[in-house]
């Protein structure tokens, strides 16, 4: 899985449209092997991002859980702590 794609489900406040689109963009970049498509592929690339973002939003809207929502700041602090351990010299 691409490290830049973050979990979007079960956060308070919910994921924004920009976050969903950014995840879709990262996915399409990973799958296509290209961070910037050629002009010939630009339309297909952008259409894929739009469609994946749309489907992702539907998925997030339909998922249910009994777990309490996660706090974005707490989760970000945990990620920073993991990164410090991972990249410590």
Protein backbone atom coordinates (compact mmCIF):
# COMPACT_ATOMS: atom_id res chain seq x y z
CA UNK A 1 0.00 0.00 0.00
CA UNK A 2 1.21 3.47 -0.76
CA UNK A 3 2.40 5.20 2.40
CA UNK A 4 0.85 8.50 1.34
CA UNK A 5 -2.68 7.11 1.38
CA UNK A 6 -4.09 7.62 4.86
CA UNK A 7 -7.00 5.97 6.58
CA UNK A 8 -10.07 8.15 6.13
CA UNK A 9 -12.78 6.16 7.92
CA UNK A 10 -14.03 6.82 11.44
CA UNK A 11 -12.54 10.24 12.12
CA UNK A 12 -14.14 13.24 13.70
CA UNK A 13 -14.60 15.44 11.77
CA UNK A 14 -15.15 13.17 8.76
CA UNK A 15 -12.77 13.15 5.82
CA UNK A 16 -13.07 16.15 3.54
CA UNK A 17 -13.57 16.05 -0.20
CA UNK A 18 -9.96 17.23 -0.60
CA UNK A 19 -8.67 14.33 1.51
CA UNK A 20 -10.68 11.81 -0.50
CA UNK A 21 -9.46 13.30 -3.78
CA UNK A 22 -5.84 13.31 -2.56
CA UNK A 23 -6.11 9.62 -1.68
CA UNK A 24 -7.62 8.87 -5.10
CA UNK A 25 -4.81 10.80 -6.80
CA UNK A 26 -2.16 8.86 -4.89
CA UNK A 27 -3.85 5.59 -5.81
CA UNK A 28 -4.01 6.46 -9.52
CA UNK A 29 -0.38 7.60 -9.47
CA UNK A 30 0.68 4.33 -7.87
CA UNK A 31 -1.34 2.11 -10.20
CA UNK A 32 -0.36 4.00 -13.35
CA UNK A 33 3.29 4.34 -12.37
CA UNK A 34 3.16 8.00 -13.27
CA UNK A 35 2.95 11.08 -11.08
CA UNK A 36 2.30 13.31 -14.10
CA UNK A 37 0.65 11.69 -17.11
CA UNK A 38 1.42 12.61 -20.69
CA UNK A 39 -1.02 14.84 -22.54
CA UNK A 40 -2.32 11.75 -24.33
CA UNK A 41 -3.22 10.15 -20.98
CA UNK A 42 -4.27 13.27 -19.05
CA UNK A 43 -8.01 12.84 -19.60
CA UNK A 44 -8.00 9.16 -18.60
CA UNK A 45 -5.87 9.96 -15.52
CA UNK A 46 -8.18 12.76 -14.36
CA UNK A 47 -11.30 10.68 -15.03
CA UNK A 48 -9.86 7.83 -12.95
CA UNK A 49 -9.13 10.20 -10.06
CA UNK A 50 -12.69 11.59 -10.18
CA UNK A 51 -14.31 8.16 -10.34
CA UNK A 52 -12.17 6.66 -7.59
CA UNK A 53 -12.79 9.68 -5.35
CA UNK A 54 -16.52 9.34 -5.99
CA UNK A 55 -16.55 5.63 -5.15
CA UNK A 56 -14.35 6.20 -2.11
CA UNK A 57 -16.77 8.79 -0.78
CA UNK A 58 -19.64 6.33 -1.22
CA UNK A 59 -17.64 3.70 0.65
CA UNK A 60 -16.91 6.07 3.53
CA UNK A 61 -20.56 7.13 3.67
CA UNK A 62 -21.76 3.51 3.82
CA UNK A 63 -19.29 2.08 6.34
CA UNK A 64 -20.57 1.59 9.88
CA UNK A 65 -18.66 0.92 13.08
CA UNK A 66 -19.33 0.62 16.78
CA UNK A 67 -15.89 2.08 17.59
CA UNK A 68 -15.75 5.68 18.75
CA UNK A 69 -14.43 8.16 16.17
CA UNK A 70 -10.69 8.79 16.21
CA UNK A 71 -9.24 12.20 16.95
CA UNK A 72 -7.10 13.50 14.09
CA UNK A 73 -4.61 15.25 16.37
CA UNK A 74 -4.08 12.16 18.53
CA UNK A 75 -3.58 9.95 15.47
CA UNK A 76 -1.16 12.49 13.95
CA UNK A 77 0.87 12.52 17.18
CA UNK A 78 1.03 8.70 17.13
CA UNK A 79 2.24 8.78 13.52
CA UNK A 80 4.94 11.32 14.38
CA UNK A 81 6.11 9.13 17.26
CA UNK A 82 6.28 6.08 14.97
CA UNK A 83 8.25 8.11 12.42
CA UNK A 84 10.74 9.22 15.08
CA UNK A 85 11.38 5.60 16.03
CA UNK A 86 11.56 4.47 12.40
CA UNK A 87 13.98 7.17 11.31
CA UNK A 88 16.06 7.47 14.49
CA UNK A 89 19.78 7.21 13.89
